[in-house]
Amino acid sequence: MSGAAGELAAIQFPMLWVLEDRDYARGRELIESYLEDSVAEGSQDSWICQRCGEIVDAEFNICWNCTASRN
């Protein structure tokens, strides 16, 4: 409904909490898997920012999150 009012739609992402240091590597694997799946489901030309890991739509050459260049 917020999109209908002219506001940005609420985009929700899953949250991952790592409680034990020994589980950190597995947590990173889960995040990478989620990001890869998200790109596969979206536009085939979407790219992942090398600096911050954000998924960026194909028509953009600069990451909206950290302003890093695509290349």
N, C-alpha and C. Protein backbone atom coordinates (compact mmCIF):
# COMPACT_ATOMS: atom_id res chain seq x y z
N MET A 1 0.81 -1.19 0.00
CA MET A 1 0.00 0.00 0.00
C MET A 1 0.85 1.26 0.00
N SER A 2 2.05 1.20 0.60
CA SER A 2 2.88 2.40 0.64
C SER A 2 3.27 2.84 -0.75
N GLY A 3 3.42 1.88 -1.70
CA GLY A 3 3.75 2.24 -3.08
C GLY A 3 2.63 3.03 -3.72
N ALA A 4 1.39 2.74 -3.37
CA ALA A 4 0.25 3.47 -3.93
C ALA A 4 0.20 4.90 -3.42
N ALA A 5 0.76 5.14 -2.27
CA ALA A 5 0.76 6.49 -1.69
C ALA A 5 1.95 7.31 -2.17
N GLY A 6 2.75 6.76 -3.09
CA GLY A 6 3.89 7.50 -3.61
C GLY A 6 5.17 7.28 -2.82
N GLU A 7 5.13 6.39 -1.87
CA GLU A 7 6.32 6.09 -1.09
C GLU A 7 7.00 4.85 -1.66
N LEU A 8 8.24 4.65 -1.28
CA LEU A 8 8.94 3.44 -1.70
C LEU A 8 8.30 2.22 -1.05
N ALA A 9 8.15 1.19 -1.83
CA ALA A 9 7.59 -0.05 -1.29
C ALA A 9 8.55 -0.66 -0.28
N ALA A 10 8.00 -1.31 0.70
CA ALA A 10 8.83 -1.98 1.70
C ALA A 10 9.38 -3.27 1.10
N ILE A 11 10.67 -3.36 0.98
CA ILE A 11 11.33 -4.56 0.48
C ILE A 11 11.86 -5.31 1.68
N GLN A 12 11.45 -6.55 1.80
CA GLN A 12 11.87 -7.33 2.95
C GLN A 12 12.88 -8.37 2.54
N PHE A 13 13.89 -8.52 3.35
CA PHE A 13 14.92 -9.53 3.14
C PHE A 13 14.98 -10.41 4.38
N PRO A 14 15.30 -11.66 4.19
CA PRO A 14 15.43 -12.52 5.37
C PRO A 14 16.59 -12.05 6.26
N MET A 15 16.47 -12.33 7.53
CA MET A 15 17.50 -11.94 8.48
C MET A 15 18.20 -13.21 8.97
N LEU A 16 19.51 -13.15 9.06
CA LEU A 16 20.29 -14.29 9.54
C LEU A 16 21.11 -13.84 10.74
N TRP A 17 20.91 -14.50 11.84
CA TRP A 17 21.68 -14.21 13.06
C TRP A 17 22.63 -15.36 13.31
N VAL A 18 23.89 -15.03 13.49
CA VAL A 18 24.91 -16.03 13.81
C VAL A 18 25.26 -15.85 15.28
N LEU A 19 24.95 -16.84 16.07
CA LEU A 19 25.15 -16.73 17.52
C LEU A 19 26.51 -17.23 17.97
N GLU A 20 27.07 -18.15 17.22
CA GLU A 20 28.36 -18.73 17.58
C GLU A 20 29.38 -18.39 16.49
N ASP A 21 30.56 -17.95 16.89
CA ASP A 21 31.60 -17.60 15.93
C ASP A 21 31.91 -18.75 14.97
N ARG A 22 31.83 -19.95 15.46
CA ARG A 22 32.16 -21.10 14.62
C ARG A 22 31.16 -21.29 13.48
N ASP A 23 30.00 -20.66 13.57
CA ASP A 23 28.97 -20.77 12.54
C ASP A 23 29.03 -19.65 11.50
N TYR A 24 29.98 -18.73 11.64
CA TYR A 24 30.06 -17.57 10.74
C TYR A 24 30.24 -17.99 9.28
N ALA A 25 31.15 -18.91 9.00
CA ALA A 25 31.42 -19.33 7.62
C ALA A 25 30.16 -19.92 6.99
N ARG A 26 29.43 -20.73 7.73
CA ARG A 26 28.18 -21.31 7.20
C ARG A 26 27.15 -20.21 6.95
N GLY A 27 27.10 -19.23 7.81
CA GLY A 27 26.20 -18.10 7.61
C GLY A 27 26.51 -17.36 6.32
N ARG A 28 27.79 -17.14 6.05
CA ARG A 28 28.18 -16.48 4.79
C ARG A 28 27.77 -17.32 3.59
N GLU A 29 27.91 -18.64 3.69
CA GLU A 29 27.49 -19.53 2.60
C GLU A 29 25.99 -19.38 2.33
N LEU A 30 25.20 -19.31 3.39
CA LEU A 30 23.76 -19.16 3.23
C LEU A 30 23.41 -17.82 2.58
N ILE A 31 24.09 -16.77 2.98
CA ILE A 31 23.85 -15.45 2.39
C ILE A 31 24.20 -15.45 0.91
N GLU A 32 25.36 -16.00 0.56
CA GLU A 32 25.77 -16.05 -0.84
C GLU A 32 24.78 -16.86 -1.66
N SER A 33 24.30 -17.96 -1.12
CA SER A 33 23.32 -18.79 -1.82
C SER A 33 22.03 -18.01 -2.05
N TYR A 34 21.59 -17.29 -1.04
CA TYR A 34 20.38 -16.47 -1.17
C TYR A 34 20.56 -15.41 -2.25
N LEU A 35 21.70 -14.73 -2.23
CA LEU A 35 21.94 -13.68 -3.23
C LEU A 35 21.98 -14.24 -4.64
N GLU A 36 22.61 -15.38 -4.81
CA GLU A 36 22.68 -16.01 -6.13
C GLU A 36 21.27 -16.40 -6.61
N ASP A 37 20.47 -16.95 -5.72
CA ASP A 37 19.10 -17.32 -6.07
C ASP A 37 18.26 -16.10 -6.42
N SER A 38 18.47 -14.99 -5.69
CA SER A 38 17.72 -13.77 -5.96
C SER A 38 18.04 -13.22 -7.34
N VAL A 39 19.30 -13.25 -7.72
CA VAL A 39 19.69 -12.77 -9.04
C VAL A 39 19.10 -13.68 -10.11
N ALA A 40 19.11 -15.00 -9.89
CA ALA A 40 18.59 -15.94 -10.87
C ALA A 40 17.09 -15.75 -11.08
N GLU A 41 16.36 -15.40 -10.03
CA GLU A 41 14.92 -15.21 -10.13
C GLU A 41 14.58 -13.87 -10.78
N GLY A 42 15.43 -12.88 -10.64
CA GLY A 42 15.18 -11.55 -11.19
C GLY A 42 15.71 -11.45 -12.61
N SER A 43 16.03 -10.26 -12.99
CA SER A 43 16.57 -10.02 -14.32
C SER A 43 17.87 -10.78 -14.50
N GLN A 44 18.02 -11.42 -15.64
CA GLN A 44 19.24 -12.18 -15.91
C GLN A 44 20.47 -11.27 -16.00
N ASP A 45 20.25 -10.00 -16.20
CA ASP A 45 21.37 -9.08 -16.34
C ASP A 45 21.68 -8.33 -15.05
N SER A 46 20.97 -8.65 -13.96
CA SER A 46 21.29 -8.01 -12.68
C SER A 46 22.71 -8.37 -12.29
N TRP A 47 23.33 -7.51 -11.50
CA TRP A 47 24.70 -7.78 -11.07
C TRP A 47 24.81 -7.54 -9.57
N ILE A 48 25.82 -8.17 -8.98
CA ILE A 48 26.08 -8.04 -7.55
C ILE A 48 27.28 -7.12 -7.35
N CYS A 49 27.08 -6.09 -6.56
CA CYS A 49 28.16 -5.13 -6.28
C CYS A 49 29.31 -5.83 -5.58
N GLN A 50 30.51 -5.65 -6.10
CA GLN A 50 31.69 -6.28 -5.52
C GLN A 50 32.09 -5.65 -4.19
N ARG A 51 31.67 -4.42 -3.95
CA ARG A 51 32.04 -3.75 -2.70
C ARG A 51 31.10 -4.11 -1.55
N CYS A 52 29.78 -4.04 -1.78
CA CYS A 52 28.86 -4.22 -0.67
C CYS A 52 27.95 -5.44 -0.80
N GLY A 53 27.95 -6.10 -1.97
CA GLY A 53 27.15 -7.31 -2.15
C GLY A 53 25.70 -7.07 -2.52
N GLU A 54 25.32 -5.83 -2.77
CA GLU A 54 23.94 -5.50 -3.12
C GLU A 54 23.62 -5.96 -4.54
N ILE A 55 22.38 -6.38 -4.77
CA ILE A 55 21.92 -6.74 -6.11
C ILE A 55 21.45 -5.46 -6.80
N VAL A 56 21.98 -5.21 -8.00
CA VAL A 56 21.69 -3.98 -8.73
C VAL A 56 21.08 -4.35 -10.08
N ASP A 57 20.02 -3.67 -10.47
CA ASP A 57 19.38 -3.93 -11.75
C ASP A 57 20.32 -3.60 -12.90
N ALA A 58 20.11 -4.30 -14.01
CA ALA A 58 21.01 -4.24 -15.17
C ALA A 58 21.16 -2.83 -15.74
N GLU A 59 20.13 -2.02 -15.67
CA GLU A 59 20.20 -0.70 -16.30
C GLU A 59 21.09 0.29 -15.55
N PHE A 60 21.55 -0.09 -14.37
CA PHE A 60 22.40 0.79 -13.59
C PHE A 60 23.86 0.34 -13.65
N ASN A 61 24.77 1.29 -13.78
CA ASN A 61 26.20 1.00 -13.81
C ASN A 61 26.89 1.36 -12.50
N ILE A 62 26.11 1.94 -11.57
CA ILE A 62 26.64 2.32 -10.26
C ILE A 62 25.72 1.73 -9.21
N CYS A 63 26.30 1.16 -8.17
CA CYS A 63 25.53 0.57 -7.08
C CYS A 63 24.76 1.67 -6.35
N TRP A 64 23.47 1.46 -6.16
CA TRP A 64 22.64 2.45 -5.47
C TRP A 64 22.97 2.52 -3.98
N ASN A 65 23.53 1.45 -3.44
CA ASN A 65 23.79 1.38 -2.00
C ASN A 65 25.11 2.05 -1.60
N CYS A 66 26.18 1.78 -2.36
CA CYS A 66 27.50 2.28 -1.95
C CYS A 66 28.17 3.13 -3.02
N THR A 67 27.54 3.32 -4.15
CA THR A 67 28.03 4.12 -5.29
C THR A 67 29.26 3.55 -5.98
N ALA A 68 29.54 2.27 -5.79
CA ALA A 68 30.67 1.64 -6.48
C ALA A 68 30.30 1.43 -7.94
N SER A 69 31.29 1.50 -8.80
CA SER A 69 31.09 1.27 -10.23
C SER A 69 30.89 -0.21 -10.51
N ARG A 70 30.14 -0.51 -11.57
CA ARG A 70 29.88 -1.89 -11.94
C ARG A 70 31.15 -2.63 -12.28
N ASN A 71 32.08 -1.98 -12.92
CA ASN A 71 33.32 -2.64 -13.35
C ASN A 71 34.36 -2.47 -12.33
